[in-house]
C-alpha atoms as a PDB file:
ATOM      1  CA  MET A   1       2.626  10.541 -34.872  1.00  0.00           C
ATOM      2  CA  LYS A   2       2.523   8.360 -32.020  1.00  0.00           C
ATOM      3  CA  PHE A   3       4.166   4.839 -31.486  1.00  0.00           C
ATOM      4  CA  VAL A   4       3.574   2.801 -28.163  1.00  0.00           C
ATOM      5  CA  ILE A   5       6.487   0.388 -27.993  1.00  0.00           C
ATOM      6  CA  GLN A   6       5.933  -2.603 -25.843  1.00  0.00           C
ATOM      7  CA  LYS A   7       9.145  -4.691 -25.432  1.00  0.00           C
ATOM      8  CA  THR A   8       8.040  -8.431 -25.991  1.00  0.00           C
ATOM      9  CA  ALA A   9       9.301 -12.076 -25.245  1.00  0.00           C
ATOM     10  CA  HIS A  10       6.422 -12.936 -27.932  1.00  0.00           C
ATOM     11  CA  ALA A  11       3.541 -11.270 -29.712  1.00  0.00           C
ATOM     12  CA  SER A  12       0.948 -11.939 -32.466  1.00  0.00           C
ATOM     13  CA  VAL A  13      -2.053 -10.521 -34.277  1.00  0.00           C
ATOM     14  CA  THR A  14      -4.902 -12.443 -35.568  1.00  0.00           C
ATOM     15  CA  ILE A  15      -7.482 -11.404 -37.917  1.00  0.00           C
ATOM     16  CA  ASP A  16     -10.660 -13.423 -38.591  1.00  0.00           C
ATOM     17  CA  GLY A  17      -9.151 -16.352 -36.713  1.00  0.00           C
ATOM     18  CA  VAL A  18      -6.150 -16.477 -38.846  1.00  0.00           C
ATOM     19  CA  VAL A  19      -2.616 -15.322 -37.333  1.00  0.00           C
ATOM     20  CA  ARG A  20      -1.472 -12.612 -39.662  1.00  0.00           C
ATOM     21  CA  GLY A  21       1.702 -11.717 -37.896  1.00  0.00           C
ATOM     22  CA  LYS A  22       3.973 -13.291 -35.169  1.00  0.00           C
ATOM     23  CA  ILE A  23       7.119 -12.375 -33.416  1.00  0.00           C
ATOM     24  CA  GLY A  24       9.409 -13.731 -30.598  1.00  0.00           C
ATOM     25  CA  LYS A  25      11.985 -11.389 -28.833  1.00  0.00           C
ATOM     26  CA  GLY A  26      11.330  -7.890 -30.010  1.00  0.00           C
ATOM     27  CA  TYR A  27       8.883  -4.839 -30.087  1.00  0.00           C
ATOM     28  CA  LEU A  28       5.022  -4.770 -30.673  1.00  0.00           C
ATOM     29  CA  VAL A  29       4.421  -1.134 -31.724  1.00  0.00           C
ATOM     30  CA  PHE A  30       1.018   0.402 -32.013  1.00  0.00           C
ATOM     31  CA  ILE A  31       1.176   3.244 -34.544  1.00  0.00           C
ATOM     32  CA  GLY A  32      -1.136   6.182 -34.631  1.00  0.00           C
ATOM     33  CA  ILE A  33      -0.812   8.469 -37.797  1.00  0.00           C
ATOM     34  CA  GLY A  34      -2.159  12.230 -36.984  1.00  0.00           C
ATOM     35  CA  GLN A  35      -3.320  14.946 -39.045  1.00  0.00           C
ATOM     36  CA  GLY A  36      -0.397  16.621 -40.471  1.00  0.00           C
ATOM     37  CA  ASP A  37       2.117  13.756 -40.290  1.00  0.00           C
ATOM     38  CA  ASP A  38       4.347  13.013 -43.376  1.00  0.00           C
ATOM     39  CA  GLU A  39       7.299  10.821 -44.603  1.00  0.00           C
ATOM     40  CA  LYS A  40       9.969  13.346 -42.722  1.00  0.00           C
ATOM     41  CA  ILE A  41       8.175  12.574 -39.263  1.00  0.00           C
ATOM     42  CA  ALA A  42       7.838   8.961 -40.063  1.00  0.00           C
ATOM     43  CA  ASP A  43      11.726   8.605 -41.086  1.00  0.00           C
ATOM     44  CA  LYS A  44      12.691  10.369 -37.605  1.00  0.00           C
ATOM     45  CA  MET A  45       9.976   8.242 -35.603  1.00  0.00           C
ATOM     46  CA  VAL A  46      11.318   4.791 -37.233  1.00  0.00           C
ATOM     47  CA  GLN A  47      15.079   5.933 -36.585  1.00  0.00           C
ATOM     48  CA  LYS A  48      14.254   6.405 -32.969  1.00  0.00           C
ATOM     49  CA  LEU A  49      12.344   3.221 -33.003  1.00  0.00           C
ATOM     50  CA  VAL A  50      15.001   0.969 -34.363  1.00  0.00           C
ATOM     51  CA  ASN A  51      17.917   2.362 -32.568  1.00  0.00           C
ATOM     52  CA  LEU A  52      16.126   2.518 -28.936  1.00  0.00           C
ATOM     53  CA  ARG A  53      18.439   0.713 -26.473  1.00  0.00           C
ATOM     54  CA  ILE A  54      15.950  -1.089 -23.929  1.00  0.00           C
ATOM     55  CA  PHE A  55      17.302  -4.349 -23.939  1.00  0.00           C
ATOM     56  CA  GLU A  56      19.603  -5.436 -21.013  1.00  0.00           C
ATOM     57  CA  ASP A  57      23.366  -6.090 -21.531  1.00  0.00           C
ATOM     58  CA  GLU A  58      25.482  -8.506 -19.530  1.00  0.00           C
ATOM     59  CA  ASN A  59      25.407  -5.992 -16.951  1.00  0.00           C
ATOM     60  CA  GLY A  60      21.883  -5.531 -16.501  1.00  0.00           C
ATOM     61  CA  LYS A  61      21.931  -1.901 -17.973  1.00  0.00           C
ATOM     62  CA  THR A  62      19.655  -1.100 -20.774  1.00  0.00           C
ATOM     63  CA  ASN A  63      22.242  -0.503 -23.378  1.00  0.00           C
ATOM     64  CA  LEU A  64      21.304  -3.004 -26.169  1.00  0.00           C
ATOM     65  CA  GLY A  65      19.047  -2.260 -29.287  1.00  0.00           C
ATOM     66  CA  LEU A  66      16.625  -4.306 -31.255  1.00  0.00           C
ATOM     67  CA  LYS A  67      19.612  -4.972 -33.763  1.00  0.00           C
ATOM     68  CA  ASP A  68      21.887  -6.191 -31.130  1.00  0.00           C
ATOM     69  CA  VAL A  69      19.625  -8.731 -29.833  1.00  0.00           C
ATOM     70  CA  ASN A  70      18.377  -9.705 -33.270  1.00  0.00           C
ATOM     71  CA  GLY A  71      14.942  -8.538 -32.294  1.00  0.00           C
ATOM     72  CA  GLU A  72      11.778  -8.526 -34.451  1.00  0.00           C
ATOM     73  CA  LEU A  73       9.179  -5.979 -34.879  1.00  0.00           C
ATOM     74  CA  LEU A  74       5.175  -6.488 -34.971  1.00  0.00           C
ATOM     75  CA  LEU A  75       3.622  -3.423 -36.509  1.00  0.00           C
ATOM     76  CA  ILE A  76      -0.069  -2.443 -35.669  1.00  0.00           C
ATOM     77  CA  SER A  77      -2.231   0.407 -36.888  1.00  0.00           C
ATOM     78  CA  GLN A  78      -4.102   2.150 -34.211  1.00  0.00           C
ATOM     79  CA  PHE A  79      -5.914   5.386 -34.883  1.00  0.00           C
ATOM     80  CA  THR A  80      -7.387   5.354 -31.380  1.00  0.00           C
ATOM     81  CA  LEU A  81      -3.906   6.553 -30.268  1.00  0.00           C
ATOM     82  CA  TYR A  82      -5.617   9.809 -31.071  1.00  0.00           C
ATOM     83  CA  ALA A  83      -8.607   9.403 -28.999  1.00  0.00           C
ATOM     84  CA  ASN A  84      -9.463  13.008 -27.553  1.00  0.00           C
ATOM     85  CA  CYS A  85     -11.411  12.529 -24.272  1.00  0.00           C
ATOM     86  CA  LYS A  86     -11.828  16.169 -23.012  1.00  0.00           C
ATOM     87  CA  LYS A  87     -15.359  16.460 -23.546  1.00  0.00           C
ATOM     88  CA  GLY A  88     -18.147  13.921 -22.683  1.00  0.00           C
ATOM     89  CA  ASN A  89     -17.582   9.924 -22.435  1.00  0.00           C
ATOM     90  CA  ARG A  90     -17.162   9.258 -26.166  1.00  0.00           C
ATOM     91  CA  PRO A  91     -13.681   9.901 -27.495  1.00  0.00           C
ATOM     92  CA  SER A  92     -13.455  11.884 -30.640  1.00  0.00           C
ATOM     93  CA  PHE A  93     -10.804  10.925 -33.216  1.00  0.00           C
ATOM     94  CA  THR A  94     -10.606  14.082 -35.446  1.00  0.00           C
ATOM     95  CA  ASP A  95      -6.763  14.395 -34.633  1.00  0.00           C
ATOM     96  CA  ALA A  96      -6.183  11.144 -36.467  1.00  0.00           C
ATOM     97  CA  GLY A  97      -5.081  11.277 -39.876  1.00  0.00           C
ATOM     98  CA  ALA A  98      -7.439  10.676 -42.940  1.00  0.00           C
ATOM     99  CA  PRO A  99      -7.659   6.934 -43.395  1.00  0.00           C
ATOM    100  CA  GLU A 100      -6.138   6.821 -46.943  1.00  0.00           C
ATOM    101  CA  GLU A 101      -3.277   8.901 -45.866  1.00  0.00           C
ATOM    102  CA  ALA A 102      -2.862   7.137 -42.560  1.00  0.00           C
ATOM    103  CA  ASN A 103      -2.726   3.583 -44.473  1.00  0.00           C
ATOM    104  CA  ARG A 104      -0.184   5.240 -46.926  1.00  0.00           C
ATOM    105  CA  LEU A 105       2.063   6.191 -44.213  1.00  0.00           C
ATOM    106  CA  TYR A 106       1.555   2.974 -42.155  1.00  0.00           C
ATOM    107  CA  GLU A 107       2.762   1.146 -45.380  1.00  0.00           C
ATOM    108  CA  TYR A 108       5.633   3.497 -45.494  1.00  0.00           C
ATOM    109  CA  ILE A 109       6.496   2.749 -42.070  1.00  0.00           C
ATOM    110  CA  ILE A 110       6.624  -0.874 -42.681  1.00  0.00           C
ATOM    111  CA  GLU A 111       8.809  -0.862 -45.716  1.00  0.00           C
ATOM    112  CA  LYS A 112      11.359   1.732 -43.757  1.00  0.00           C
ATOM    113  CA  CYS A 113      11.486  -0.825 -40.741  1.00  0.00           C
ATOM    114  CA  LYS A 114      12.149  -3.469 -43.137  1.00  0.00           C
ATOM    115  CA  MET A 115      15.274  -1.860 -44.275  1.00  0.00           C
ATOM    116  CA  GLU A 116      16.481  -1.899 -40.824  1.00  0.00           C
ATOM    117  CA  ILE A 117      15.090  -5.062 -39.205  1.00  0.00           C
ATOM    118  CA  PRO A 118      15.354  -8.410 -40.990  1.00  0.00           C
ATOM    119  CA  ILE A 119      11.986  -9.574 -39.573  1.00  0.00           C
ATOM    120  CA  VAL A 120       9.065  -7.143 -39.413  1.00  0.00           C
ATOM    121  CA  GLU A 121       5.368  -8.401 -39.152  1.00  0.00           C
ATOM    122  CA  GLN A 122       2.258  -6.345 -39.439  1.00  0.00           C
ATOM    123  CA  GLY A 123      -1.395  -6.264 -38.995  1.00  0.00           C
ATOM    124  CA  GLU A 124      -3.739  -4.972 -41.179  1.00  0.00           C
ATOM    125  CA  PHE A 125      -4.911  -1.378 -41.711  1.00  0.00           C
ATOM    126  CA  GLY A 126      -8.359  -0.822 -40.326  1.00  0.00           C
ATOM    127  CA  ALA A 127      -9.089  -4.764 -39.616  1.00  0.00           C
ATOM    128  CA  ASP A 128     -10.637  -5.703 -36.507  1.00  0.00           C
ATOM    129  CA  MET A 129      -7.517  -7.363 -34.866  1.00  0.00           C
ATOM    130  CA  LYS A 130      -6.719  -9.583 -31.921  1.00  0.00           C
ATOM    131  CA  VAL A 131      -3.515  -8.697 -30.592  1.00  0.00           C
ATOM    132  CA  GLU A 132      -1.577 -10.873 -28.011  1.00  0.00           C
ATOM    133  CA  LEU A 133       1.662 -10.327 -26.286  1.00  0.00           C
ATOM    134  CA  LEU A 134       3.955 -11.192 -23.565  1.00  0.00           C
ATOM    135  CA  ASN A 135       5.300  -7.866 -22.381  1.00  0.00           C
ATOM    136  CA  ASP A 136       8.897  -8.242 -21.105  1.00  0.00           C
ATOM    137  CA  GLY A 137       9.516  -6.187 -18.166  1.00  0.00           C
ATOM    138  CA  PRO A 138       7.043  -4.825 -18.489  1.00  0.00           C
ATOM    139  CA  PHE A 139       8.537  -2.112 -20.528  1.00  0.00           C
ATOM    140  CA  THR A 140       6.434   0.249 -22.508  1.00  0.00           C
ATOM    141  CA  ILE A 141       7.593   3.585 -24.191  1.00  0.00           C
ATOM    142  CA  ILE A 142       5.593   6.069 -25.741  1.00  0.00           C
ATOM    143  CA  LEU A 143       7.147   8.039 -28.816  1.00  0.00           C
ATOM    144  CA  ASP A 144       5.010  11.063 -29.766  1.00  0.00           C
ATOM    145  CA  SER A 145       6.623  13.243 -32.608  1.00  0.00           C
ATOM    146  CA  ASN A 146       5.366  16.233 -30.962  1.00  0.00           C
ATOM    147  CA  GLU A 147       7.859  15.593 -28.132  1.00  0.00           C
ATOM    148  CA  ILE A 148      11.010  14.364 -30.100  1.00  0.00           C
ATOM    149  CA  ILE A 149      10.739  16.398 -33.321  1.00  0.00           C
ATOM    150  CA  PRO A 150      10.506  20.140 -33.130  1.00  0.00           C
ATOM    151  CA  ARG A 151       7.983  21.558 -35.616  1.00  0.00           C
END
């Protein structure tokens, strides 16, 4: 499982010309579900996400987390995080999770985040989405379950 987390001043997702999700200060998170990912991995990734301390405190140190600043989440499914570009010029996505299972886990992650963070917005799995953000920093973190969870 992969999360690309961007600290935002604001972000939104539009589908077919209609804003589906919109947040202020918080994180825009692109979520990639891979082959073999499950709820146990999702739980650990969500806990890492909601407890990251990347907001500045009164001394300018990155000591504050999403909850400390009343931050919001915008969660976007993105299977292309599993693009394999080793051969040729056309990416392969065989490492991405099967769509039905990936959607199920994406929805699971959304529900887990809602248990932790009051404002959680989302995109639509498999939709053609237009995502806008004002990256604050810029500050971008990549969480890969293969790097943070021993298998």
